[in-house]
PDB file of N, CA and C in Angstrom:
ATOM      1  N   UNK A   1       0.833  -1.196   0.000  1.00  0.00           N
ATOM      2  CA  UNK A   1       0.000   0.000   0.000  1.00  0.00           C
ATOM      3  C   UNK A   1       0.867   1.246   0.000  1.00  0.00           C
ATOM      4  N   UNK A   2       0.489   2.197  -0.816  1.00  0.00           N
ATOM      5  CA  UNK A   2       1.185   3.474  -0.829  1.00  0.00           C
ATOM      6  C   UNK A   2       0.625   4.359   0.273  1.00  0.00           C
ATOM      7  N   UNK A   3       1.509   4.984   0.999  1.00  0.00           N
ATOM      8  CA  UNK A   3       1.089   5.895   2.049  1.00  0.00           C
ATOM      9  C   UNK A   3       1.495   7.303   1.665  1.00  0.00           C
ATOM     10  N   UNK A   4       0.559   8.224   1.771  1.00  0.00           N
ATOM     11  CA  UNK A   4       0.852   9.617   1.514  1.00  0.00           C
ATOM     12  C   UNK A   4       0.909  10.342   2.845  1.00  0.00           C
ATOM     13  N   UNK A   5       1.871  11.257   2.929  1.00  0.00           N
ATOM     14  CA  UNK A   5       1.985  12.051   4.138  1.00  0.00           C
ATOM     15  C   UNK A   5       1.084  13.267   3.998  1.00  0.00           C
ATOM     16  N   UNK A   6       0.262  13.505   4.982  1.00  0.00           N
ATOM     17  CA  UNK A   6      -0.586  14.688   4.993  1.00  0.00           C
ATOM     18  C   UNK A   6       0.096  15.748   5.848  1.00  0.00           C
ATOM     19  N   UNK A   7       0.810  16.646   5.190  1.00  0.00           N
ATOM     20  CA  UNK A   7       1.506  17.701   5.899  1.00  0.00           C
ATOM     21  C   UNK A   7       0.686  18.975   5.815  1.00  0.00           C
ATOM     22  N   UNK A   8       0.636  19.661   6.893  1.00  0.00           N
ATOM     23  CA  UNK A   8      -0.087  20.928   6.946  1.00  0.00           C
ATOM     24  C   UNK A   8       0.909  22.070   6.797  1.00  0.00           C
ATOM     25  N   UNK A   9       1.473  22.242   5.610  1.00  0.00           N
ATOM     26  CA  UNK A   9       2.472  23.271   5.361  1.00  0.00           C
ATOM     27  C   UNK A   9       1.938  24.194   4.272  1.00  0.00           C
ATOM     28  N   UNK A  10       1.993  25.482   4.535  1.00  0.00           N
ATOM     29  CA  UNK A  10       1.565  26.449   3.535  1.00  0.00           C
ATOM     30  C   UNK A  10       2.602  26.575   2.419  1.00  0.00           C
ATOM     31  N   UNK A  11       2.161  26.798   1.195  1.00  0.00           N
ATOM     32  CA  UNK A  11       3.083  26.944   0.070  1.00  0.00           C
ATOM     33  C   UNK A  11       4.036  28.115   0.246  1.00  0.00           C
ATOM     34  N   UNK A  12       3.640  29.103   1.044  1.00  0.00           N
ATOM     35  CA  UNK A  12       4.526  30.236   1.286  1.00  0.00           C
ATOM     36  C   UNK A  12       5.744  29.845   2.122  1.00  0.00           C
ATOM     37  N   UNK A  13       5.724  28.675   2.739  1.00  0.00           N
ATOM     38  CA  UNK A  13       6.848  28.189   3.546  1.00  0.00           C
ATOM     39  C   UNK A  13       7.760  27.255   2.742  1.00  0.00           C
ATOM     40  N   UNK A  14       7.479  27.081   1.457  1.00  0.00           N
ATOM     41  CA  UNK A  14       8.260  26.182   0.610  1.00  0.00           C
ATOM     42  C   UNK A  14       9.059  26.985  -0.412  1.00  0.00           C
ATOM     43  N   UNK A  15       9.986  26.313  -1.070  1.00  0.00           N
ATOM     44  CA  UNK A  15      10.757  26.975  -2.129  1.00  0.00           C
ATOM     45  C   UNK A  15      10.629  26.159  -3.416  1.00  0.00           C
ATOM     46  N   UNK A  16      10.624  26.848  -4.549  1.00  0.00           N
ATOM     47  CA  UNK A  16      10.463  26.139  -5.817  1.00  0.00           C
ATOM     48  C   UNK A  16      11.723  25.363  -6.197  1.00  0.00           C
ATOM     49  N   UNK A  17      11.544  24.337  -7.003  1.00  0.00           N
ATOM     50  CA  UNK A  17      12.660  23.583  -7.556  1.00  0.00           C
ATOM     51  C   UNK A  17      12.670  23.849  -9.053  1.00  0.00           C
ATOM     52  N   UNK A  18      13.828  24.225  -9.561  1.00  0.00           N
ATOM     53  CA  UNK A  18      13.981  24.528 -10.981  1.00  0.00           C
ATOM     54  C   UNK A  18      14.943  23.548 -11.624  1.00  0.00           C
ATOM     55  N   UNK A  19      14.796  23.382 -12.923  1.00  0.00           N
ATOM     56  CA  UNK A  19      15.722  22.553 -13.686  1.00  0.00           C
ATOM     57  C   UNK A  19      17.101  23.205 -13.650  1.00  0.00           C
ATOM     58  N   UNK A  20      18.114  22.394 -13.348  1.00  0.00           N
ATOM     59  CA  UNK A  20      19.479  22.924 -13.296  1.00  0.00           C
ATOM     60  C   UNK A  20      20.018  23.286 -14.668  1.00  0.00           C
ATOM     61  N   UNK A  21      19.383  22.802 -15.728  1.00  0.00           N
ATOM     62  CA  UNK A  21      19.874  23.051 -17.077  1.00  0.00           C
ATOM     63  C   UNK A  21      19.183  24.238 -17.736  1.00  0.00           C
ATOM     64  N   UNK A  22      17.831  24.286 -17.665  1.00  0.00           N
ATOM     65  CA  UNK A  22      17.119  25.346 -18.392  1.00  0.00           C
ATOM     66  C   UNK A  22      16.311  26.286 -17.501  1.00  0.00           C
ATOM     67  N   UNK A  23      16.149  25.943 -16.213  1.00  0.00           N
ATOM     68  CA  UNK A  23      15.434  26.818 -15.293  1.00  0.00           C
ATOM     69  C   UNK A  23      13.935  26.585 -15.210  1.00  0.00           C
ATOM     70  N   UNK A  24      13.387  25.682 -16.006  1.00  0.00           N
ATOM     71  CA  UNK A  24      11.957  25.394 -15.961  1.00  0.00           C
ATOM     72  C   UNK A  24      11.584  24.816 -14.609  1.00  0.00           C
ATOM     73  N   UNK A  25      10.324  25.035 -14.205  1.00  0.00           N
ATOM     74  CA  UNK A  25       9.860  24.511 -12.923  1.00  0.00           C
ATOM     75  C   UNK A  25       8.796  23.433 -13.107  1.00  0.00           C
ATOM     76  N   UNK A  26       8.683  22.895 -14.311  1.00  0.00           N
ATOM     77  CA  UNK A  26       7.679  21.869 -14.582  1.00  0.00           C
ATOM     78  C   UNK A  26       8.393  20.555 -14.883  1.00  0.00           C
ATOM     79  N   UNK A  27       8.028  19.512 -14.128  1.00  0.00           N
ATOM     80  CA  UNK A  27       8.671  18.210 -14.245  1.00  0.00           C
ATOM     81  C   UNK A  27       7.629  17.137 -14.514  1.00  0.00           C
ATOM     82  N   UNK A  28       8.079  16.032 -15.077  1.00  0.00           N
ATOM     83  CA  UNK A  28       7.208  14.876 -15.263  1.00  0.00           C
ATOM     84  C   UNK A  28       7.898  13.642 -14.699  1.00  0.00           C
ATOM     85  N   UNK A  29       7.096  12.654 -14.317  1.00  0.00           N
ATOM     86  CA  UNK A  29       7.659  11.428 -13.774  1.00  0.00           C
ATOM     87  C   UNK A  29       8.288  10.610 -14.888  1.00  0.00           C
ATOM     88  N   UNK A  30       9.377   9.959 -14.551  1.00  0.00           N
ATOM     89  CA  UNK A  30      10.036   9.067 -15.482  1.00  0.00           C
ATOM     90  C   UNK A  30      10.657   7.920 -14.711  1.00  0.00           C
ATOM     91  N   UNK A  31      11.128   6.930 -15.438  1.00  0.00           N
ATOM     92  CA  UNK A  31      11.732   5.763 -14.812  1.00  0.00           C
ATOM     93  C   UNK A  31      13.070   5.481 -15.474  1.00  0.00           C
ATOM     94  N   UNK A  32      14.119   5.390 -14.668  1.00  0.00           N
ATOM     95  CA  UNK A  32      15.411   4.909 -15.136  1.00  0.00           C
ATOM     96  C   UNK A  32      15.431   3.412 -14.879  1.00  0.00           C
ATOM     97  N   UNK A  33      15.948   2.653 -15.834  1.00  0.00           N
ATOM     98  CA  UNK A  33      16.046   1.212 -15.646  1.00  0.00           C
ATOM     99  C   UNK A  33      17.496   0.814 -15.503  1.00  0.00           C
ATOM    100  N   UNK A  34      17.780  -0.007 -14.505  1.00  0.00           N
ATOM    101  CA  UNK A  34      19.110  -0.561 -14.295  1.00  0.00           C
ATOM    102  C   UNK A  34      18.996  -2.076 -14.385  1.00  0.00           C
ATOM    103  N   UNK A  35      20.010  -2.704 -14.956  1.00  0.00           N
ATOM    104  CA  UNK A  35      20.010  -4.151 -15.081  1.00  0.00           C
ATOM    105  C   UNK A  35      20.985  -4.741 -14.077  1.00  0.00           C
ATOM    106  N   UNK A  36      20.523  -5.753 -13.352  1.00  0.00           N
ATOM    107  CA  UNK A  36      21.366  -6.476 -12.402  1.00  0.00           C
ATOM    108  C   UNK A  36      21.593  -7.878 -12.954  1.00  0.00           C
ATOM    109  N   UNK A  37      22.830  -8.277 -13.015  1.00  0.00           N
ATOM    110  CA  UNK A  37      23.198  -9.581 -13.545  1.00  0.00           C
ATOM    111  C   UNK A  37      22.547 -10.702 -12.753  1.00  0.00           C
ATOM    112  N   UNK A  38      22.170 -11.772 -13.454  1.00  0.00           N
ATOM    113  CA  UNK A  38      21.585 -12.938 -12.771  1.00  0.00           C
ATOM    114  C   UNK A  38      22.581 -13.568 -11.802  1.00  0.00           C
ATOM    115  N   UNK A  39      23.881 -13.360 -12.085  1.00  0.00           N
ATOM    116  CA  UNK A  39      24.897 -13.875 -11.170  1.00  0.00           C
ATOM    117  C   UNK A  39      24.878 -13.101  -9.852  1.00  0.00           C
ATOM    118  N   UNK A  40      24.568 -11.815  -9.939  1.00  0.00           N
ATOM    119  CA  UNK A  40      24.490 -10.967  -8.749  1.00  0.00           C
ATOM    120  C   UNK A  40      23.215 -11.237  -7.950  1.00  0.00           C
ATOM    121  N   UNK A  41      22.097 -11.452  -8.673  1.00  0.00           N
ATOM    122  CA  UNK A  41      20.811 -11.621  -8.001  1.00  0.00           C
ATOM    123  C   UNK A  41      20.530 -13.062  -7.598  1.00  0.00           C
ATOM    124  N   UNK A  42      21.256 -14.033  -8.200  1.00  0.00           N
ATOM    125  CA  UNK A  42      21.018 -15.435  -7.881  1.00  0.00           C
ATOM    126  C   UNK A  42      19.748 -15.981  -8.500  1.00  0.00           C
ATOM    127  N   UNK A  43      19.261 -15.322  -9.556  1.00  0.00           N
ATOM    128  CA  UNK A  43      18.055 -15.785 -10.233  1.00  0.00           C
ATOM    129  C   UNK A  43      18.419 -16.336 -11.606  1.00  0.00           C
ATOM    130  N   UNK A  44      17.422 -16.898 -12.299  1.00  0.00           N
ATOM    131  CA  UNK A  44      17.661 -17.500 -13.608  1.00  0.00           C
ATOM    132  C   UNK A  44      17.877 -16.454 -14.703  1.00  0.00           C
ATOM    133  N   UNK A  45      17.362 -15.247 -14.501  1.00  0.00           N
ATOM    134  CA  UNK A  45      17.462 -14.188 -15.507  1.00  0.00           C
ATOM    135  C   UNK A  45      18.000 -12.911 -14.881  1.00  0.00           C
ATOM    136  N   UNK A  46      18.542 -12.044 -15.742  1.00  0.00           N
ATOM    137  CA  UNK A  46      18.939 -10.718 -15.275  1.00  0.00           C
ATOM    138  C   UNK A  46      17.692  -9.996 -14.768  1.00  0.00           C
ATOM    139  N   UNK A  47      17.860  -9.143 -13.776  1.00  0.00           N
ATOM    140  CA  UNK A  47      16.736  -8.406 -13.197  1.00  0.00           C
ATOM    141  C   UNK A  47      16.776  -6.955 -13.649  1.00  0.00           C
ATOM    142  N   UNK A  48      15.612  -6.374 -13.914  1.00  0.00           N
ATOM    143  CA  UNK A  48      15.491  -4.948 -14.201  1.00  0.00           C
ATOM    144  C   UNK A  48      15.037  -4.241 -12.943  1.00  0.00           C
ATOM    145  N   UNK A  49      15.730  -3.155 -12.615  1.00  0.00           N
ATOM    146  CA  UNK A  49      15.402  -2.387 -11.416  1.00  0.00           C
ATOM    147  C   UNK A  49      14.899  -1.012 -11.852  1.00  0.00           C
ATOM    148  N   UNK A  50      13.615  -0.709 -11.616  1.00  0.00           N
ATOM    149  CA  UNK A  50      13.087   0.613 -11.972  1.00  0.00           C
ATOM    150  C   UNK A  50      13.418   1.636 -10.893  1.00  0.00           C
ATOM    151  N   UNK A  51      13.832   2.818 -11.318  1.00  0.00           N
ATOM    152  CA  UNK A  51      14.140   3.906 -10.391  1.00  0.00           C
ATOM    153  C   UNK A  51      13.325   5.117 -10.816  1.00  0.00           C
ATOM    154  N   UNK A  52      12.403   5.536  -9.968  1.00  0.00           N
ATOM    155  CA  UNK A  52      11.540   6.672 -10.296  1.00  0.00           C
ATOM    156  C   UNK A  52      12.323   7.975 -10.163  1.00  0.00           C
ATOM    157  N   UNK A  53      12.231   8.819 -11.193  1.00  0.00           N
ATOM    158  CA  UNK A  53      12.877  10.133 -11.186  1.00  0.00           C
ATOM    159  C   UNK A  53      11.907  11.163 -11.751  1.00  0.00           C
ATOM    160  N   UNK A  54      12.276  12.418 -11.651  1.00  0.00           N
ATOM    161  CA  UNK A  54      11.512  13.506 -12.251  1.00  0.00           C
ATOM    162  C   UNK A  54      12.394  14.181 -13.295  1.00  0.00           C
ATOM    163  N   UNK A  55      11.890  14.297 -14.509  1.00  0.00           N
ATOM    164  CA  UNK A  55      12.632  14.907 -15.615  1.00  0.00           C
ATOM    165  C   UNK A  55      11.958  16.216 -16.013  1.00  0.00           C
ATOM    166  N   UNK A  56      12.757  17.198 -16.388  1.00  0.00           N
ATOM    167  CA  UNK A  56      12.246  18.492 -16.837  1.00  0.00           C
ATOM    168  C   UNK A  56      11.410  18.291 -18.103  1.00  0.00           C
ATOM    169  N   UNK A  57      10.242  18.888 -18.144  1.00  0.00           N
ATOM    170  CA  UNK A  57       9.392  18.751 -19.323  1.00  0.00           C
ATOM    171  C   UNK A  57       9.922  19.559 -20.506  1.00  0.00           C
ATOM    172  N   UNK A  58      10.720  20.586 -20.239  1.00  0.00           N
ATOM    173  CA  UNK A  58      11.235  21.415 -21.329  1.00  0.00           C
ATOM    174  C   UNK A  58      12.441  20.801 -22.015  1.00  0.00           C
ATOM    175  N   UNK A  59      13.398  20.299 -21.237  1.00  0.00           N
ATOM    176  CA  UNK A  59      14.654  19.831 -21.839  1.00  0.00           C
ATOM    177  C   UNK A  59      14.982  18.366 -21.536  1.00  0.00           C
ATOM    178  N   UNK A  60      14.219  17.715 -20.644  1.00  0.00           N
ATOM    179  CA  UNK A  60      14.451  16.316 -20.325  1.00  0.00           C
ATOM    180  C   UNK A  60      15.516  16.071 -19.269  1.00  0.00           C
ATOM    181  N   UNK A  61      16.131  17.115 -18.751  1.00  0.00           N
ATOM    182  CA  UNK A  61      17.179  16.967 -17.742  1.00  0.00           C
ATOM    183  C   UNK A  61      16.613  16.395 -16.445  1.00  0.00           C
ATOM    184  N   UNK A  62      17.400  15.535 -15.796  1.00  0.00           N
ATOM    185  CA  UNK A  62      17.066  15.030 -14.471  1.00  0.00           C
ATOM    186  C   UNK A  62      18.052  15.669 -13.494  1.00  0.00           C
ATOM    187  N   UNK A  63      17.544  16.530 -12.608  1.00  0.00           N
ATOM    188  CA  UNK A  63      18.410  17.157 -11.612  1.00  0.00           C
ATOM    189  C   UNK A  63      19.076  16.080 -10.762  1.00  0.00           C
ATOM    190  N   UNK A  64      20.313  16.323 -10.386  1.00  0.00           N
ATOM    191  CA  UNK A  64      21.076  15.368  -9.587  1.00  0.00           C
ATOM    192  C   UNK A  64      20.374  15.047  -8.266  1.00  0.00           C
ATOM    193  N   UNK A  65      19.673  16.023  -7.690  1.00  0.00           N
ATOM    194  CA  UNK A  65      19.002  15.810  -6.409  1.00  0.00           C
ATOM    195  C   UNK A  65      17.863  14.793  -6.509  1.00  0.00           C
ATOM    196  N   UNK A  66      17.402  14.491  -7.735  1.00  0.00           N
ATOM    197  CA  UNK A  66      16.327  13.528  -7.924  1.00  0.00           C
ATOM    198  C   UNK A  66      16.857  12.096  -8.062  1.00  0.00           C
ATOM    199  N   UNK A  67      18.164  11.929  -8.133  1.00  0.00           N
ATOM    200  CA  UNK A  67      18.771  10.614  -8.313  1.00  0.00           C
ATOM    201  C   UNK A  67      19.134   9.991  -6.973  1.00  0.00           C
ATOM    202  N   UNK A  68      19.147   8.664  -6.893  1.00  0.00           N
ATOM    203  CA  UNK A  68      19.647   8.020  -5.676  1.00  0.00           C
ATOM    204  C   UNK A  68      21.106   8.403  -5.446  1.00  0.00           C
ATOM    205  N   UNK A  69      21.539   8.387  -4.214  1.00  0.00           N
ATOM    206  CA  UNK A  69      22.904   8.800  -3.875  1.00  0.00           C
ATOM    207  C   UNK A  69      23.962   8.072  -4.698  1.00  0.00           C
ATOM    208  N   UNK A  70      23.772   6.773  -4.936  1.00  0.00           N
ATOM    209  CA  UNK A  70      24.773   5.993  -5.653  1.00  0.00           C
ATOM    210  C   UNK A  70      24.900   6.406  -7.120  1.00  0.00           C
ATOM    211  N   UNK A  71      23.933   7.125  -7.658  1.00  0.00           N
ATOM    212  CA  UNK A  71      23.963   7.523  -9.061  1.00  0.00           C
ATOM    213  C   UNK A  71      24.384   8.975  -9.257  1.00  0.00           C
ATOM    214  N   UNK A  72      24.568   9.690  -8.192  1.00  0.00           N
ATOM    215  CA  UNK A  72      24.957  11.100  -8.308  1.00  0.00           C
ATOM    216  C   UNK A  72      26.436  11.218  -8.609  1.00  0.00           C
ATOM    217  N   UNK A  73      26.795  12.201  -9.414  1.00  0.00           N
ATOM    218  CA  UNK A  73      28.197  12.413  -9.762  1.00  0.00           C
ATOM    219  C   UNK A  73      29.016  12.784  -8.533  1.00  0.00           C
ATOM    220  N   UNK A  74      28.411  13.481  -7.591  1.00  0.00           N
ATOM    221  CA  UNK A  74      29.125  13.888  -6.388  1.00  0.00           C
ATOM    222  C   UNK A  74      29.527  12.681  -5.558  1.00  0.00           C
ATOM    223  N   UNK A  75      28.746  11.598  -5.624  1.00  0.00           N
ATOM    224  CA  UNK A  75      29.002  10.429  -4.796  1.00  0.00           C
ATOM    225  C   UNK A  75      30.065   9.516  -5.381  1.00  0.00           C
ATOM    226  N   UNK A  76      30.387   9.696  -6.666  1.00  0.00           N
ATOM    227  CA  UNK A  76      31.390   8.839  -7.288  1.00  0.00           C
ATOM    228  C   UNK A  76      32.608   9.673  -7.642  1.00  0.00           C
ATOM    229  N   UNK A  77      33.811   9.130  -7.482  1.00  0.00           N
ATOM    230  CA  UNK A  77      35.006   9.894  -7.852  1.00  0.00           C
ATOM    231  C   UNK A  77      35.042  10.115  -9.357  1.00  0.00           C
ATOM    232  N   UNK A  78      35.397  11.320  -9.738  1.00  0.00           N
ATOM    233  CA  UNK A  78      35.466  11.651 -11.156  1.00  0.00           C
ATOM    234  C   UNK A  78      36.795  11.179 -11.722  1.00  0.00           C
ATOM    235  N   UNK A  79      36.727  10.705 -12.958  1.00  0.00           N
ATOM    236  CA  UNK A  79      37.958  10.298 -13.620  1.00  0.00           C
ATOM    237  C   UNK A  79      38.748  11.530 -14.012  1.00  0.00           C
ATOM    238  N   UNK A  80      40.036  11.466 -13.830  1.00  0.00           N
ATOM    239  CA  UNK A  80      40.896  12.577 -14.187  1.00  0.00           C
ATOM    240  C   UNK A  80      41.381  12.378 -15.615  1.00  0.00           C
ATOM    241  N   UNK A  81      41.175  13.371 -16.448  1.00  0.00           N
ATOM    242  CA  UNK A  81      41.605  13.290 -17.834  1.00  0.00           C
ATOM    243  C   UNK A  81      42.919  14.034 -17.980  1.00  0.00           C
ATOM    244  N   UNK A  82      43.887  13.368 -18.568  1.00  0.00           N
ATOM    245  CA  UNK A  82      45.185  13.994 -18.795  1.00  0.00           C
ATOM    246  C   UNK A  82      45.297  14.301 -20.286  1.00  0.00           C
ATOM    247  N   UNK A  83      45.414  15.549 -20.595  1.00  0.00           N
ATOM    248  CA  UNK A  83      45.547  15.971 -21.985  1.00  0.00           C
ATOM    249  C   UNK A  83      47.018  16.021 -22.368  1.00  0.00           C
ATOM    250  N   UNK A  84      47.383  15.402 -23.492  1.00  0.00           N
ATOM    251  CA  UNK A  84      48.788  15.458 -23.912  1.00  0.00           C
ATOM    252  C   UNK A  84      49.158  16.842 -24.422  1.00  0.00           C
ATOM    253  N   UNK A  85      50.404  17.216 -24.166  1.00  0.00           N
ATOM    254  CA  UNK A  85      50.918  18.473 -24.689  1.00  0.00           C
ATOM    255  C   UNK A  85      51.749  18.142 -25.919  1.00  0.00           C
ATOM    256  N   UNK A  86      51.492  18.848 -26.996  1.00  0.00           N
ATOM    257  CA  UNK A  86      52.216  18.591 -28.237  1.00  0.00           C
ATOM    258  C   UNK A  86      53.205  19.723 -28.463  1.00  0.00           C
ATOM    259  N   UNK A  87      54.474  19.362 -28.582  1.00  0.00           N
ATOM    260  CA  UNK A  87      55.517  20.359 -28.826  1.00  0.00           C
ATOM    261  C   UNK A  87      56.066  20.154 -30.231  1.00  0.00           C
ATOM    262  N   UNK A  88      56.249  21.224 -30.937  1.00  0.00           N
ATOM    263  CA  UNK A  88      56.796  21.150 -32.296  1.00  0.00           C
ATOM    264  C   UNK A  88      58.314  21.079 -32.248  1.00  0.00           C
ATOM    265  N   UNK A  89      58.897  20.248 -33.091  1.00  0.00           N
ATOM    266  CA  UNK A  89      60.345  20.157 -33.225  1.00  0.00           C
ATOM    267  C   UNK A  89      60.784  20.933 -34.449  1.00  0.00           C
ATOM    268  N   UNK A  90      62.042  21.301 -34.491  1.00  0.00           N
ATOM    269  CA  UNK A  90      62.571  22.039 -35.638  1.00  0.00           C
ATOM    270  C   UNK A  90      62.476  21.233 -36.926  1.00  0.00           C
ATOM    271  N   UNK A  91      62.574  19.917 -36.871  1.00  0.00           N
ATOM    272  CA  UNK A  91      62.605  19.082 -38.061  1.00  0.00           C
ATOM    273  C   UNK A  91      61.202  18.727 -38.558  1.00  0.00           C
ATOM    274  N   UNK A  92      60.173  19.285 -37.985  1.00  0.00           N
ATOM    275  CA  UNK A  92      58.815  19.029 -38.444  1.00  0.00           C
ATOM    276  C   UNK A  92      58.132  17.887 -37.718  1.00  0.00           C
ATOM    277  N   UNK A  93      58.838  17.158 -36.848  1.00  0.00           N
ATOM    278  CA  UNK A  93      58.215  16.084 -36.075  1.00  0.00           C
ATOM    279  C   UNK A  93      57.537  16.644 -34.841  1.00  0.00           C
ATOM    280  N   UNK A  94      56.755  15.817 -34.172  1.00  0.00           N
ATOM    281  CA  UNK A  94      56.070  16.259 -32.965  1.00  0.00           C
ATOM    282  C   UNK A  94      56.524  15.397 -31.803  1.00  0.00           C
ATOM    283  N   UNK A  95      56.642  16.008 -30.637  1.00  0.00           N
ATOM    284  CA  UNK A  95      56.937  15.312 -29.408  1.00  0.00           C
ATOM    285  C   UNK A  95      55.685  15.426 -28.535  1.00  0.00           C
ATOM    286  N   UNK A  96      55.158  14.287 -28.106  1.00  0.00           N
ATOM    287  CA  UNK A  96      53.959  14.283 -27.261  1.00  0.00           C
ATOM    288  C   UNK A  96      54.392  13.888 -25.863  1.00  0.00           C
ATOM    289  N   UNK A  97      54.081  14.764 -24.895  1.00  0.00           N
ATOM    290  CA  UNK A  97      54.393  14.490 -23.495  1.00  0.00           C
ATOM    291  C   UNK A  97      53.132  14.536 -22.668  1.00  0.00           C
ATOM    292  N   UNK A  98      53.146  13.779 -21.573  1.00  0.00           N
ATOM    293  CA  UNK A  98      51.998  13.753 -20.655  1.00  0.00           C
ATOM    294  C   UNK A  98      52.389  14.334 -19.327  1.00  0.00           C
TER     295      UNK A  98
END
């Protein structure tokens, strides 16, 4: 059974939530699907896990705050990208250093 909380809070005591990408304040429900290997779940088939999120109706963006903690970029270490530096040599060759 779904339970709804009946809170007696006036809208003047709340703050709006806007899309982090376009600023719209209108969202629609959506579902992200994750697949769990049958080896992980111990079942005969891979399992699909539905995750309810809210997506911006204007641009489709899902604000990070609507995602489970394990799916947020802040919760996972970011990969560091190393860009090579290209130096020109007098003879027309290139030296690439990292």
